[in-house]
Amino acid sequence: MKLSARNVFKGKVKAIVMGVVNAEVTIELPGGTVITSVITKASVERLGLKEGKDAYAVVKASSVIVGVD
């Protein structure tokens, strides 16, 4: 797999919450950090995602917004 994104994090699928159209996928990285993404149900099925399976969280963003109270 070759990607233009530089932020690629390998972890294990911790949870998948299926909705009507989309699914919330949580990936746990080594050390316990979790990343959650919303993807289509079709993508979950096409990728064969299951709890405990290895997966990558790939982050490609042109901006990151930071805020404080």
PDB file of N, CA and C in Angstrom:
ATOM      1  N   MET A   1       0.854  -1.169   0.000  1.00  0.00           N
ATOM      2  CA  MET A   1       0.000   0.000   0.000  1.00  0.00           C
ATOM      3  C   MET A   1       0.899   1.230   0.000  1.00  0.00           C
ATOM      4  N   LYS A   2       0.708   2.121  -0.971  1.00  0.00           N
ATOM      5  CA  LYS A   2       1.409   3.390  -1.022  1.00  0.00           C
ATOM      6  C   LYS A   2       0.381   4.503  -0.952  1.00  0.00           C
ATOM      7  N   LEU A   3       0.648   5.485  -0.083  1.00  0.00           N
ATOM      8  CA  LEU A   3      -0.282   6.591   0.123  1.00  0.00           C
ATOM      9  C   LEU A   3       0.465   7.914   0.130  1.00  0.00           C
ATOM     10  N   SER A   4      -0.215   8.973  -0.219  1.00  0.00           N
ATOM     11  CA  SER A   4       0.387  10.293  -0.126  1.00  0.00           C
ATOM     12  C   SER A   4       0.300  10.843   1.295  1.00  0.00           C
ATOM     13  N   ALA A   5      -0.581  10.300   2.096  1.00  0.00           N
ATOM     14  CA  ALA A   5      -0.734  10.752   3.479  1.00  0.00           C
ATOM     15  C   ALA A   5       0.465  10.304   4.306  1.00  0.00           C
ATOM     16  N   ARG A   6       0.947  11.181   5.163  1.00  0.00           N
ATOM     17  CA  ARG A   6       2.093  10.844   6.012  1.00  0.00           C
ATOM     18  C   ARG A   6       1.686  10.324   7.383  1.00  0.00           C
ATOM     19  N   ASN A   7       0.448  10.536   7.741  1.00  0.00           N
ATOM     20  CA  ASN A   7      -0.020  10.132   9.063  1.00  0.00           C
ATOM     21  C   ASN A   7      -0.781   8.820   8.961  1.00  0.00           C
ATOM     22  N   VAL A   8      -0.047   7.718   9.093  1.00  0.00           N
ATOM     23  CA  VAL A   8      -0.629   6.380   8.991  1.00  0.00           C
ATOM     24  C   VAL A   8      -0.366   5.676  10.316  1.00  0.00           C
ATOM     25  N   PHE A   9      -1.439   5.261  10.979  1.00  0.00           N
ATOM     26  CA  PHE A   9      -1.333   4.649  12.300  1.00  0.00           C
ATOM     27  C   PHE A   9      -1.915   3.242  12.259  1.00  0.00           C
ATOM     28  N   LYS A  10      -1.095   2.237  12.592  1.00  0.00           N
ATOM     29  CA  LYS A  10      -1.568   0.853  12.612  1.00  0.00           C
ATOM     30  C   LYS A  10      -2.070   0.513  14.003  1.00  0.00           C
ATOM     31  N   GLY A  11      -3.212  -0.144  14.032  1.00  0.00           N
ATOM     32  CA  GLY A  11      -3.780  -0.560  15.306  1.00  0.00           C
ATOM     33  C   GLY A  11      -4.736  -1.715  15.092  1.00  0.00           C
ATOM     34  N   LYS A  12      -5.590  -1.931  16.085  1.00  0.00           N
ATOM     35  CA  LYS A  12      -6.588  -2.996  16.010  1.00  0.00           C
ATOM     36  C   LYS A  12      -7.972  -2.380  16.146  1.00  0.00           C
ATOM     37  N   VAL A  13      -8.915  -2.918  15.384  1.00  0.00           N
ATOM     38  CA  VAL A  13     -10.297  -2.455  15.486  1.00  0.00           C
ATOM     39  C   VAL A  13     -10.806  -2.824  16.871  1.00  0.00           C
ATOM     40  N   LYS A  14     -11.181  -1.804  17.629  1.00  0.00           N
ATOM     41  CA  LYS A  14     -11.670  -2.013  18.993  1.00  0.00           C
ATOM     42  C   LYS A  14     -13.192  -2.142  19.014  1.00  0.00           C
ATOM     43  N   ALA A  15     -13.865  -1.347  18.155  1.00  0.00           N
ATOM     44  CA  ALA A  15     -15.329  -1.380  18.144  1.00  0.00           C
ATOM     45  C   ALA A  15     -15.850  -0.905  16.800  1.00  0.00           C
ATOM     46  N   ILE A  16     -16.997  -1.442  16.420  1.00  0.00           N
ATOM     47  CA  ILE A  16     -17.718  -0.991  15.233  1.00  0.00           C
ATOM     48  C   ILE A  16     -19.175  -0.819  15.642  1.00  0.00           C
ATOM     49  N   VAL A  17     -19.683   0.393  15.473  1.00  0.00           N
ATOM     50  CA  VAL A  17     -21.085   0.679  15.769  1.00  0.00           C
ATOM     51  C   VAL A  17     -21.766   0.961  14.438  1.00  0.00           C
ATOM     52  N   MET A  18     -22.603   0.027  14.023  1.00  0.00           N
ATOM     53  CA  MET A  18     -23.281   0.138  12.732  1.00  0.00           C
ATOM     54  C   MET A  18     -24.518   1.010  12.850  1.00  0.00           C
ATOM     55  N   GLY A  19     -24.669   1.922  11.888  1.00  0.00           N
ATOM     56  CA  GLY A  19     -25.872   2.732  11.772  1.00  0.00           C
ATOM     57  C   GLY A  19     -26.639   2.291  10.533  1.00  0.00           C
ATOM     58  N   VAL A  20     -27.594   3.085  10.127  1.00  0.00           N
ATOM     59  CA  VAL A  20     -28.399   2.750   8.961  1.00  0.00           C
ATOM     60  C   VAL A  20     -27.563   2.836   7.687  1.00  0.00           C
ATOM     61  N   VAL A  21     -26.764   3.899   7.557  1.00  0.00           N
ATOM     62  CA  VAL A  21     -25.952   4.113   6.360  1.00  0.00           C
ATOM     63  C   VAL A  21     -24.459   4.059   6.666  1.00  0.00           C
ATOM     64  N   ASN A  22     -24.067   4.623   7.799  1.00  0.00           N
ATOM     65  CA  ASN A  22     -22.660   4.716   8.186  1.00  0.00           C
ATOM     66  C   ASN A  22     -22.347   3.839   9.380  1.00  0.00           C
ATOM     67  N   ALA A  23     -21.047   3.717   9.647  1.00  0.00           N
ATOM     68  CA  ALA A  23     -20.582   2.978  10.818  1.00  0.00           C
ATOM     69  C   ALA A  23     -19.490   3.790  11.502  1.00  0.00           C
ATOM     70  N   GLU A  24     -19.462   3.727  12.825  1.00  0.00           N
ATOM     71  CA  GLU A  24     -18.413   4.362  13.607  1.00  0.00           C
ATOM     72  C   GLU A  24     -17.385   3.284  13.940  1.00  0.00           C
ATOM     73  N   VAL A  25     -16.161   3.479  13.461  1.00  0.00           N
ATOM     74  CA  VAL A  25     -15.098   2.487  13.647  1.00  0.00           C
ATOM     75  C   VAL A  25     -14.042   3.064  14.579  1.00  0.00           C
ATOM     76  N   THR A  26     -13.755   2.358  15.645  1.00  0.00           N
ATOM     77  CA  THR A  26     -12.742   2.788  16.599  1.00  0.00           C
ATOM     78  C   THR A  26     -11.542   1.861  16.485  1.00  0.00           C
ATOM     79  N   ILE A  27     -10.361   2.479  16.265  1.00  0.00           N
ATOM     80  CA  ILE A  27      -9.102   1.730  16.155  1.00  0.00           C
ATOM     81  C   ILE A  27      -8.240   2.094  17.352  1.00  0.00           C
ATOM     82  N   GLU A  28      -7.760   1.074  18.063  1.00  0.00           N
ATOM     83  CA  GLU A  28      -6.880   1.292  19.211  1.00  0.00           C
ATOM     84  C   GLU A  28      -5.439   1.107  18.764  1.00  0.00           C
ATOM     85  N   LEU A  29      -4.631   2.132  19.024  1.00  0.00           N
ATOM     86  CA  LEU A  29      -3.218   2.099  18.658  1.00  0.00           C
ATOM     87  C   LEU A  29      -2.407   1.493  19.791  1.00  0.00           C
ATOM     88  N   PRO A  30      -1.193   1.019  19.511  1.00  0.00           N
ATOM     89  CA  PRO A  30      -0.322   0.553  20.588  1.00  0.00           C
ATOM     90  C   PRO A  30      -0.150   1.689  21.603  1.00  0.00           C
ATOM     91  N   GLY A  31      -0.253   1.383  22.871  1.00  0.00           N
ATOM     92  CA  GLY A  31      -0.172   2.409  23.903  1.00  0.00           C
ATOM     93  C   GLY A  31      -1.528   2.874  24.386  1.00  0.00           C
ATOM     94  N   GLY A  32      -2.611   2.455  23.698  1.00  0.00           N
ATOM     95  CA  GLY A  32      -3.954   2.730  24.183  1.00  0.00           C
ATOM     96  C   GLY A  32      -4.683   3.908  23.569  1.00  0.00           C
ATOM     97  N   THR A  33      -4.019   4.722  22.774  1.00  0.00           N
ATOM     98  CA  THR A  33      -4.710   5.820  22.104  1.00  0.00           C
ATOM     99  C   THR A  33      -5.728   5.258  21.118  1.00  0.00           C
ATOM    100  N   VAL A  34      -6.903   5.889  21.045  1.00  0.00           N
ATOM    101  CA  VAL A  34      -7.920   5.435  20.103  1.00  0.00           C
ATOM    102  C   VAL A  34      -8.230   6.531  19.089  1.00  0.00           C
ATOM    103  N   ILE A  35      -8.509   6.114  17.866  1.00  0.00           N
ATOM    104  CA  ILE A  35      -8.938   7.000  16.800  1.00  0.00           C
ATOM    105  C   ILE A  35     -10.272   6.461  16.300  1.00  0.00           C
ATOM    106  N   THR A  36     -11.256   7.356  16.193  1.00  0.00           N
ATOM    107  CA  THR A  36     -12.580   6.954  15.736  1.00  0.00           C
ATOM    108  C   THR A  36     -12.897   7.656  14.422  1.00  0.00           C
ATOM    109  N   SER A  37     -13.444   6.910  13.487  1.00  0.00           N
ATOM    110  CA  SER A  37     -13.800   7.443  12.183  1.00  0.00           C
ATOM    111  C   SER A  37     -15.200   6.978  11.808  1.00  0.00           C
ATOM    112  N   VAL A  38     -15.904   7.807  11.055  1.00  0.00           N
ATOM    113  CA  VAL A  38     -17.206   7.424  10.519  1.00  0.00           C
ATOM    114  C   VAL A  38     -17.016   7.125   9.036  1.00  0.00           C
ATOM    115  N   ILE A  39     -17.334   5.892   8.651  1.00  0.00           N
ATOM    116  CA  ILE A  39     -17.227   5.463   7.257  1.00  0.00           C
ATOM    117  C   ILE A  39     -18.539   4.795   6.860  1.00  0.00           C
ATOM    118  N   THR A  40     -18.699   4.523   5.587  1.00  0.00           N
ATOM    119  CA  THR A  40     -19.942   3.885   5.156  1.00  0.00           C
ATOM    120  C   THR A  40     -19.983   2.419   5.589  1.00  0.00           C
ATOM    121  N   LYS A  41     -21.200   1.911   5.731  1.00  0.00           N
ATOM    122  CA  LYS A  41     -21.365   0.486   6.031  1.00  0.00           C
ATOM    123  C   LYS A  41     -20.764  -0.351   4.911  1.00  0.00           C
ATOM    124  N   ALA A  42     -20.911   0.126   3.665  1.00  0.00           N
ATOM    125  CA  ALA A  42     -20.352  -0.597   2.527  1.00  0.00           C
ATOM    126  C   ALA A  42     -18.838  -0.717   2.649  1.00  0.00           C
ATOM    127  N   SER A  43     -18.175   0.323   3.152  1.00  0.00           N
ATOM    128  CA  SER A  43     -16.724   0.267   3.336  1.00  0.00           C
ATOM    129  C   SER A  43     -16.334  -0.731   4.422  1.00  0.00           C
ATOM    130  N   VAL A  44     -17.114  -0.782   5.503  1.00  0.00           N
ATOM    131  CA  VAL A  44     -16.850  -1.766   6.564  1.00  0.00           C
ATOM    132  C   VAL A  44     -16.901  -3.167   5.970  1.00  0.00           C
ATOM    133  N   GLU A  45     -17.926  -3.427   5.162  1.00  0.00           N
ATOM    134  CA  GLU A  45     -18.089  -4.752   4.561  1.00  0.00           C
ATOM    135  C   GLU A  45     -16.989  -5.037   3.531  1.00  0.00           C
ATOM    136  N   ARG A  46     -16.678  -4.052   2.679  1.00  0.00           N
ATOM    137  CA  ARG A  46     -15.672  -4.247   1.633  1.00  0.00           C
ATOM    138  C   ARG A  46     -14.287  -4.498   2.232  1.00  0.00           C
ATOM    139  N   LEU A  47     -13.976  -3.814   3.342  1.00  0.00           N
ATOM    140  CA  LEU A  47     -12.681  -3.980   4.002  1.00  0.00           C
ATOM    141  C   LEU A  47     -12.647  -5.211   4.915  1.00  0.00           C
ATOM    142  N   GLY A  48     -13.797  -5.803   5.165  1.00  0.00           N
ATOM    143  CA  GLY A  48     -13.857  -6.968   6.049  1.00  0.00           C
ATOM    144  C   GLY A  48     -13.506  -6.627   7.486  1.00  0.00           C
ATOM    145  N   LEU A  49     -13.881  -5.432   7.922  1.00  0.00           N
ATOM    146  CA  LEU A  49     -13.535  -4.999   9.274  1.00  0.00           C
ATOM    147  C   LEU A  49     -14.310  -5.790  10.320  1.00  0.00           C
ATOM    148  N   LYS A  50     -13.603  -6.227  11.328  1.00  0.00           N
ATOM    149  CA  LYS A  50     -14.169  -6.944  12.470  1.00  0.00           C
ATOM    150  C   LYS A  50     -13.391  -6.521  13.700  1.00  0.00           C
ATOM    151  N   GLU A  51     -14.009  -6.578  14.859  1.00  0.00           N
ATOM    152  CA  GLU A  51     -13.302  -6.281  16.107  1.00  0.00           C
ATOM    153  C   GLU A  51     -12.111  -7.218  16.250  1.00  0.00           C
ATOM    154  N   GLY A  52     -10.950  -6.641  16.613  1.00  0.00           N
ATOM    155  CA  GLY A  52      -9.732  -7.418  16.799  1.00  0.00           C
ATOM    156  C   GLY A  52      -8.858  -7.503  15.565  1.00  0.00           C
ATOM    157  N   LYS A  53      -9.383  -7.100  14.400  1.00  0.00           N
ATOM    158  CA  LYS A  53      -8.613  -7.162  13.161  1.00  0.00           C
ATOM    159  C   LYS A  53      -7.658  -5.969  13.070  1.00  0.00           C
ATOM    160  N   ASP A  54      -6.458  -6.183  12.524  1.00  0.00           N
ATOM    161  CA  ASP A  54      -5.526  -5.088  12.279  1.00  0.00           C
ATOM    162  C   ASP A  54      -6.107  -4.157  11.226  1.00  0.00           C
ATOM    163  N   ALA A  55      -5.891  -2.857  11.411  1.00  0.00           N
ATOM    164  CA  ALA A  55      -6.365  -1.857  10.455  1.00  0.00           C
ATOM    165  C   ALA A  55      -5.488  -0.617  10.593  1.00  0.00           C
ATOM    166  N   TYR A  56      -5.558   0.239   9.608  1.00  0.00           N
ATOM    167  CA  TYR A  56      -4.802   1.482   9.603  1.00  0.00           C
ATOM    168  C   TYR A  56      -5.749   2.664   9.672  1.00  0.00           C
ATOM    169  N   ALA A  57      -5.394   3.658  10.479  1.00  0.00           N
ATOM    170  CA  ALA A  57      -6.070   4.949  10.473  1.00  0.00           C
ATOM    171  C   ALA A  57      -5.158   5.876   9.676  1.00  0.00           C
ATOM    172  N   VAL A  58      -5.673   6.411   8.580  1.00  0.00           N
ATOM    173  CA  VAL A  58      -4.887   7.278   7.709  1.00  0.00           C
ATOM    174  C   VAL A  58      -5.486   8.676   7.792  1.00  0.00           C
ATOM    175  N   VAL A  59      -4.665   9.642   8.194  1.00  0.00           N
ATOM    176  CA  VAL A  59      -5.139  11.008   8.377  1.00  0.00           C
ATOM    177  C   VAL A  59      -4.499  11.897   7.319  1.00  0.00           C
ATOM    178  N   LYS A  60      -5.333  12.512   6.501  1.00  0.00           N
ATOM    179  CA  LYS A  60      -4.865  13.455   5.480  1.00  0.00           C
ATOM    180  C   LYS A  60      -5.771  14.676   5.588  1.00  0.00           C
ATOM    181  N   ALA A  61      -5.226  15.751   6.096  1.00  0.00           N
ATOM    182  CA  ALA A  61      -6.044  16.946   6.294  1.00  0.00           C
ATOM    183  C   ALA A  61      -5.251  18.189   5.912  1.00  0.00           C
ATOM    184  N   SER A  62      -5.938  19.141   5.337  1.00  0.00           N
ATOM    185  CA  SER A  62      -5.272  20.389   4.988  1.00  0.00           C
ATOM    186  C   SER A  62      -5.215  21.349   6.173  1.00  0.00           C
ATOM    187  N   SER A  63      -6.010  21.067   7.205  1.00  0.00           N
ATOM    188  CA  SER A  63      -5.961  21.921   8.396  1.00  0.00           C
ATOM    189  C   SER A  63      -6.405  21.133   9.627  1.00  0.00           C
ATOM    190  N   VAL A  64      -5.880  21.551  10.760  1.00  0.00           N
ATOM    191  CA  VAL A  64      -6.294  21.005  12.041  1.00  0.00           C
ATOM    192  C   VAL A  64      -6.732  22.185  12.888  1.00  0.00           C
ATOM    193  N   ILE A  65      -7.938  22.118  13.417  1.00  0.00           N
ATOM    194  CA  ILE A  65      -8.480  23.219  14.200  1.00  0.00           C
ATOM    195  C   ILE A  65      -8.242  22.921  15.677  1.00  0.00           C
ATOM    196  N   VAL A  66      -7.712  23.883  16.382  1.00  0.00           N
ATOM    197  CA  VAL A  66      -7.441  23.760  17.818  1.00  0.00           C
ATOM    198  C   VAL A  66      -8.240  24.836  18.530  1.00  0.00           C
ATOM    199  N   GLY A  67      -8.857  24.490  19.644  1.00  0.00           N
ATOM    200  CA  GLY A  67      -9.631  25.473  20.398  1.00  0.00           C
ATOM    201  C   GLY A  67      -9.431  25.336  21.888  1.00  0.00           C
ATOM    202  N   VAL A  68      -9.725  26.380  22.610  1.00  0.00           N
ATOM    203  CA  VAL A  68      -9.674  26.366  24.078  1.00  0.00           C
ATOM    204  C   VAL A  68     -10.898  27.097  24.611  1.00  0.00           C
ATOM    205  N   ASP A  69     -11.227  26.865  25.875  1.00  0.00           N
ATOM    206  CA  ASP A  69     -12.329  27.596  26.530  1.00  0.00           C
ATOM    207  C   ASP A  69     -11.857  28.944  26.969  1.00  0.00           C
TER     208      ASP A  69
END
